[in-house]
Amino acid sequence: MEMEIVAGVHCATGESPMWHAGEQAWYWVDIPARRIWRRDHASGELRRWLAPEMVACIAGSSGGGLVAGMESGIFHLDLNDDGSVGASRLAAPPAAELGEGMRFNDGRCDRQGRFWSGTMFMDMGAARAVGGLYRYSGRDGLHGPVVSNMLTQNGLAWSPDGKTMYLSDSHPQRRMVWAFDYDVDAGLPHDQRVFLDLNGQKGRPDGAAVDADGCYWTCANDGGVVQRYTPAGKLDREIELPMAKPSMCAFGGPDLDLLLVTSIDPGTGGDAGAVVLLRPGVKGVAETPFLRE
């Protein structure tokens, strides 16, 4: 399989890859380094910015810039020419829900352009199920927690028609992926059910994406692979990666036939913390940017 390790990039905790169709460029973040990375698709040119606090997840914004889940809330970000980031907080949960030692984690927009992200207690060893999943829209503000009692929220994705929402908990004590029916008008998930129980399986279900066939791609953190599951929950493809801790994947490229995968470096060296681009043989679905209503 054609696979490229992106040169010049190393992340402590690479996350939230995103294809920006308008710029024909890839974006991703390095959470503890407070970095936002950009790679121009045609030239391969790399740029990076330093944010004022940790950025866990990003999405494009219809009004320009990015929307992001960070340590202290949901922000609008402007990426400045000098490498700095202008951050304007849009909303935040009450302090009791986003207290000391917590931050937002995985997130993206639904097919209607609402931004979703979940919170987590950063010390995973404490196994505190205090995380919640939130929705933010320009019209209605912050809503939630819609799902509560999360250890390490991850794996947000929507089916191509937007009517099924996926959500995982990647903590070693959970290793679960759930599916929900999704009310596209109200922006609310319901009828939660187990989609994948990955206890005893390879890795933990970290960040994810959905392809044009409606299949769910999940990064098997600690398993060194990215896996494709059919809508019926059947594993039908597994791609080995050069890093043991892949963290999130996203489809992109001019034809949406590329998959960018970020990873985590736990201090093992080698290709840990690398970012790779591969052609999985299927196409993705264009992500909807955040709609600043």
Protein backbone atom coordinates (compact mmCIF):
# COMPACT_ATOMS: atom_id res chain seq x y z
CA MET A 1 0.00 0.00 0.00
CA GLU A 2 1.20 3.49 -0.83
CA MET A 3 2.11 5.18 2.44
CA GLU A 4 4.11 8.32 3.23
CA ILE A 5 5.55 9.38 6.55
CA VAL A 6 5.24 13.18 6.52
CA ALA A 7 8.79 14.52 6.81
CA GLY A 8 9.65 17.20 9.34
CA VAL A 9 6.82 16.38 11.76
CA HIS A 10 6.93 14.91 15.23
CA CYS A 11 4.06 15.17 17.71
CA ALA A 12 3.88 14.31 21.38
CA THR A 13 0.13 13.78 20.98
CA GLY A 14 -0.90 14.30 17.38
CA GLU A 15 -4.66 14.63 17.00
CA SER A 16 -7.61 15.99 15.03
CA PRO A 17 -6.45 15.77 11.40
CA MET A 18 -8.68 17.79 9.09
CA TRP A 19 -8.80 18.35 5.33
CA HIS A 20 -9.49 21.99 4.43
CA ALA A 21 -10.98 21.78 0.94
CA GLY A 22 -10.94 25.56 0.38
CA GLU A 23 -7.19 25.73 1.04
CA GLN A 24 -6.35 22.26 -0.32
CA ALA A 25 -4.39 21.66 2.86
CA TRP A 26 -4.25 19.37 5.87
CA TYR A 27 -4.43 20.57 9.46
CA TRP A 28 -3.80 18.71 12.73
CA VAL A 29 -2.77 19.51 16.30
CA ASP A 30 -0.18 18.46 18.87
CA ILE A 31 -2.08 18.74 22.13
CA PRO A 32 0.57 19.17 24.88
CA ALA A 33 2.80 21.26 22.61
CA ARG A 34 -0.12 23.67 21.95
CA ARG A 35 0.72 23.43 18.24
CA ILE A 36 -1.48 23.63 15.18
CA TRP A 37 0.13 22.19 12.04
CA ARG A 38 -0.71 22.79 8.39
CA ARG A 39 0.58 20.98 5.31
CA ASP A 40 -0.13 22.29 1.83
CA HIS A 41 -1.18 19.36 -0.30
CA ALA A 42 0.42 20.42 -3.59
CA SER A 43 3.76 21.72 -2.32
CA GLY A 44 4.14 19.81 0.93
CA GLU A 45 5.01 23.06 2.71
CA LEU A 46 4.63 22.87 6.48
CA ARG A 47 3.57 25.66 8.83
CA ARG A 48 2.80 25.66 12.53
CA TRP A 49 1.29 27.99 15.10
CA LEU A 50 1.53 28.19 18.90
CA ALA A 51 -1.80 28.50 20.74
CA PRO A 52 -2.28 30.12 24.17
CA GLU A 53 -3.51 26.82 25.66
CA MET A 54 -3.79 23.19 24.60
CA VAL A 55 -5.86 22.63 21.45
CA ALA A 56 -7.45 19.18 21.39
CA CYS A 57 -9.64 19.30 18.28
CA ILE A 58 -10.32 21.63 15.38
CA ALA A 59 -12.73 22.13 12.50
CA GLY A 60 -12.87 24.66 9.72
CA SER A 61 -15.22 27.61 10.08
CA SER A 62 -17.46 29.01 7.35
CA GLY A 63 -16.45 32.53 8.36
CA GLY A 64 -12.73 31.80 8.18
CA GLY A 65 -10.34 30.54 10.84
CA LEU A 66 -11.01 27.48 12.95
CA VAL A 67 -13.31 26.40 15.75
CA ALA A 68 -11.60 24.40 18.49
CA GLY A 69 -12.11 22.48 21.70
CA MET A 70 -9.41 23.56 24.16
CA GLU A 71 -8.63 23.46 27.87
CA SER A 72 -11.12 26.07 28.99
CA GLY A 73 -13.88 25.90 26.40
CA ILE A 74 -14.86 26.18 22.75
CA PHE A 75 -12.91 28.85 20.86
CA HIS A 76 -12.72 30.58 17.51
CA LEU A 77 -9.11 30.69 16.32
CA ASP A 78 -7.35 32.99 13.88
CA LEU A 79 -3.93 31.81 12.66
CA ASN A 80 -1.62 34.80 12.39
CA ASP A 81 1.30 35.29 10.01
CA ASP A 82 3.77 35.53 12.91
CA GLY A 83 2.96 32.02 14.13
CA SER A 84 0.70 33.13 16.97
CA VAL A 85 -2.96 32.22 17.42
CA GLY A 86 -5.74 34.65 18.17
CA ALA A 87 -8.23 32.83 20.41
CA SER A 88 -11.73 34.07 21.25
CA ARG A 89 -13.74 31.91 23.62
CA LEU A 90 -17.23 31.18 22.33
CA ALA A 91 -18.59 29.07 25.18
CA ALA A 92 -17.62 26.88 28.10
CA PRO A 93 -19.36 24.39 30.39
CA PRO A 94 -19.73 25.36 34.07
CA ALA A 95 -16.59 25.01 36.18
CA ALA A 96 -18.11 21.97 37.86
CA GLU A 97 -18.11 20.21 34.47
CA LEU A 98 -14.78 21.49 33.13
CA GLY A 99 -12.71 21.87 36.29
CA GLU A 100 -9.02 21.65 37.09
CA GLY A 101 -7.24 18.80 35.34
CA MET A 102 -9.80 18.60 32.53
CA ARG A 103 -9.93 19.68 28.90
CA PHE A 104 -11.86 19.04 25.73
CA ASN A 105 -10.70 16.07 23.68
CA ASP A 106 -11.95 14.62 20.38
CA GLY A 107 -14.36 16.63 18.25
CA ARG A 108 -15.70 17.54 14.81
CA CYS A 109 -18.78 18.97 13.10
CA ASP A 110 -21.91 17.04 12.25
CA ARG A 111 -23.19 17.12 8.66
CA GLN A 112 -25.22 20.26 9.45
CA GLY A 113 -22.19 22.24 10.68
CA ARG A 114 -22.72 22.01 14.45
CA PHE A 115 -19.50 21.52 16.43
CA TRP A 116 -19.33 18.60 18.83
CA SER A 117 -16.63 17.80 21.37
CA GLY A 118 -16.26 15.91 24.63
CA THR A 119 -14.38 16.57 27.85
CA MET A 120 -12.02 14.30 29.79
CA PHE A 121 -9.95 14.20 32.97
CA MET A 122 -6.39 14.32 31.67
CA ASP A 123 -4.89 11.89 34.19
CA MET A 124 -6.17 8.70 32.59
CA GLY A 125 -4.71 6.66 35.45
CA ALA A 126 -7.27 8.22 37.78
CA ALA A 127 -10.07 6.67 35.66
CA ARG A 128 -12.53 9.43 36.54
CA ALA A 129 -15.74 9.12 34.52
CA VAL A 130 -16.45 12.85 34.60
CA GLY A 131 -16.33 13.60 30.88
CA GLY A 132 -19.32 14.72 28.85
CA LEU A 133 -20.20 15.27 25.20
CA TYR A 134 -21.30 18.78 24.15
CA ARG A 135 -22.77 20.44 21.07
CA TYR A 136 -22.07 24.04 20.10
CA SER A 137 -23.82 26.06 17.41
CA GLY A 138 -23.73 29.74 16.58
CA ARG A 139 -27.50 29.97 16.91
CA ASP A 140 -28.13 27.91 20.05
CA GLY A 141 -24.84 28.14 21.91
CA LEU A 142 -23.54 25.31 24.07
CA HIS A 143 -25.78 22.33 24.85
CA GLY A 144 -25.01 19.38 27.08
CA PRO A 145 -23.67 17.21 28.36
CA VAL A 146 -25.64 15.14 25.88
CA VAL A 147 -23.72 12.01 26.91
CA SER A 148 -22.20 11.78 30.41
CA ASN A 149 -19.95 9.51 32.46
CA MET A 150 -17.20 9.36 29.83
CA LEU A 151 -13.66 8.36 30.78
CA THR A 152 -11.82 9.26 27.55
CA GLN A 153 -14.26 10.52 24.93
CA ASN A 154 -13.20 9.76 21.36
CA GLY A 155 -14.25 8.43 17.99
CA LEU A 156 -16.87 11.02 16.97
CA ALA A 157 -18.12 10.48 13.42
CA TRP A 158 -21.32 10.59 11.38
CA SER A 159 -22.63 8.36 8.63
CA PRO A 160 -22.68 9.88 5.12
CA ASP A 161 -26.38 10.79 5.47
CA GLY A 162 -25.78 12.18 8.97
CA LYS A 163 -28.44 9.95 10.54
CA THR A 164 -26.07 7.77 12.59
CA MET A 165 -23.61 9.18 15.11
CA TYR A 166 -20.65 7.19 16.44
CA LEU A 167 -18.86 7.79 19.73
CA SER A 168 -16.13 5.84 21.50
CA ASP A 169 -14.50 5.71 24.90
CA SER A 170 -10.85 4.78 24.39
CA HIS A 171 -9.95 4.38 28.06
CA PRO A 172 -8.40 0.95 28.84
CA GLN A 173 -11.33 0.26 31.17
CA ARG A 174 -13.94 0.92 28.45
CA ARG A 175 -12.75 0.19 24.85
CA MET A 176 -16.25 0.69 23.48
CA VAL A 177 -17.81 2.29 20.40
CA TRP A 178 -21.49 3.22 20.43
CA ALA A 179 -23.89 4.11 17.64
CA PHE A 180 -26.84 6.47 18.00
CA ASP A 181 -29.73 7.41 15.79
CA TYR A 182 -29.22 11.09 15.06
CA ASP A 183 -31.98 13.67 14.63
CA VAL A 184 -30.44 15.88 11.96
CA ASP A 185 -32.95 18.70 12.53
CA ALA A 186 -32.67 18.90 16.31
CA GLY A 187 -29.02 17.91 16.42
CA LEU A 188 -29.60 15.26 19.07
CA PRO A 189 -28.53 11.61 19.31
CA HIS A 190 -30.85 8.98 20.75
CA ASP A 191 -31.23 5.19 21.01
CA GLN A 192 -27.64 4.55 22.12
CA ARG A 193 -26.43 1.01 21.41
CA VAL A 194 -23.16 -0.90 21.38
CA PHE A 195 -21.56 -0.81 17.95
CA LEU A 196 -18.19 -2.36 18.88
CA ASP A 197 -17.01 -3.94 22.11
CA LEU A 198 -13.23 -4.03 21.62
CA ASN A 199 -12.29 -5.40 25.01
CA GLY A 200 -9.76 -8.17 24.41
CA GLN A 201 -9.18 -6.97 20.84
CA LYS A 202 -6.20 -5.23 19.26
CA GLY A 203 -5.66 -1.73 20.65
CA ARG A 204 -8.18 0.81 21.94
CA PRO A 205 -10.71 2.67 19.74
CA ASP A 206 -9.30 6.19 19.42
CA GLY A 207 -10.15 8.82 16.79
CA ALA A 208 -12.20 7.79 13.78
CA ALA A 209 -13.67 8.69 10.39
CA VAL A 210 -16.42 7.39 8.11
CA ASP A 211 -15.94 6.66 4.41
CA ALA A 212 -18.32 7.08 1.49
CA ASP A 213 -19.53 3.49 1.92
CA GLY A 214 -20.62 4.27 5.48
CA CYS A 215 -17.83 2.20 7.03
CA TYR A 216 -16.23 3.30 10.29
CA TRP A 217 -12.43 3.65 10.41
CA THR A 218 -10.92 3.64 13.89
CA CYS A 219 -7.34 4.06 15.05
CA ALA A 220 -6.37 1.12 17.26
CA ASN A 221 -4.25 2.96 19.82
CA ASP A 222 -1.59 0.59 21.20
CA GLY A 223 -2.45 -1.79 18.35
CA GLY A 224 -0.47 -0.13 15.55
CA VAL A 225 -3.26 -0.43 12.99
CA VAL A 226 -6.21 1.44 11.55
CA GLN A 227 -9.32 -0.70 11.15
CA ARG A 228 -12.40 -0.48 8.94
CA TYR A 229 -15.74 -1.76 10.24
CA THR A 230 -18.88 -2.11 8.15
CA PRO A 231 -22.13 -0.47 9.34
CA ALA A 232 -23.04 -3.92 10.70
CA GLY A 233 -19.94 -3.86 12.92
CA LYS A 234 -17.88 -6.40 10.94
CA LEU A 235 -14.12 -5.89 10.65
CA ASP A 236 -13.33 -6.05 6.94
CA ARG A 237 -9.97 -4.26 6.64
CA GLU A 238 -6.90 -3.64 8.77
CA ILE A 239 -3.88 -1.56 7.77
CA GLU A 240 -0.60 -1.85 9.66
CA LEU A 241 1.11 1.43 10.54
CA PRO A 242 4.72 2.27 11.45
CA MET A 243 3.66 3.67 14.85
CA ALA A 244 2.11 1.74 17.73
CA LYS A 245 -0.23 4.50 18.96
CA PRO A 246 -2.27 5.92 16.05
CA SER A 247 -4.63 8.52 17.46
CA MET A 248 -7.01 9.80 14.76
CA CYS A 249 -7.60 9.59 11.03
CA ALA A 250 -9.30 11.78 8.44
CA PHE A 251 -10.09 11.51 4.75
CA GLY A 252 -8.99 14.24 2.39
CA GLY A 253 -7.06 15.21 -0.69
CA PRO A 254 -8.58 16.63 -3.89
CA ASP A 255 -10.42 13.35 -4.53
CA LEU A 256 -11.02 12.47 -0.86
CA ASP A 257 -9.07 9.24 -1.44
CA LEU A 258 -6.27 9.88 1.07
CA LEU A 259 -6.26 9.05 4.77
CA LEU A 260 -4.09 11.07 7.14
CA VAL A 261 -3.28 9.39 10.47
CA THR A 262 -1.74 11.12 13.49
CA SER A 263 -0.07 9.37 16.41
CA ILE A 264 1.22 9.66 19.96
CA ASP A 265 4.83 9.38 21.14
CA PRO A 266 4.99 7.74 24.57
CA GLY A 267 8.78 8.15 24.56
CA THR A 268 9.62 4.99 22.65
CA GLY A 269 11.39 6.69 19.74
CA GLY A 270 11.29 5.38 16.17
CA ASP A 271 8.25 6.54 14.24
CA ALA A 272 6.19 7.22 17.36
CA GLY A 273 4.57 10.64 16.99
CA ALA A 274 4.71 10.52 13.20
CA VAL A 275 2.00 11.59 10.78
CA VAL A 276 1.35 9.33 7.79
CA LEU A 277 -0.61 9.66 4.55
CA LEU A 278 -1.94 6.57 2.81
CA ARG A 279 -4.34 5.53 0.06
CA PRO A 280 -6.78 3.06 1.61
CA GLY A 281 -8.58 2.23 -1.65
CA VAL A 282 -11.84 3.96 -0.72
CA LYS A 283 -13.03 7.56 -0.62
CA GLY A 284 -14.17 9.61 2.32
CA VAL A 285 -16.98 12.11 2.82
CA ALA A 286 -16.36 15.86 2.75
CA GLU A 287 -16.48 17.32 6.25
CA THR A 288 -18.93 20.15 6.86
CA PRO A 289 -17.30 23.29 8.31
CA PHE A 290 -18.69 24.95 11.37
CA LEU A 291 -21.56 27.24 10.41
CA ARG A 292 -21.30 30.59 12.21
CA GLU A 293 -25.03 31.33 12.11
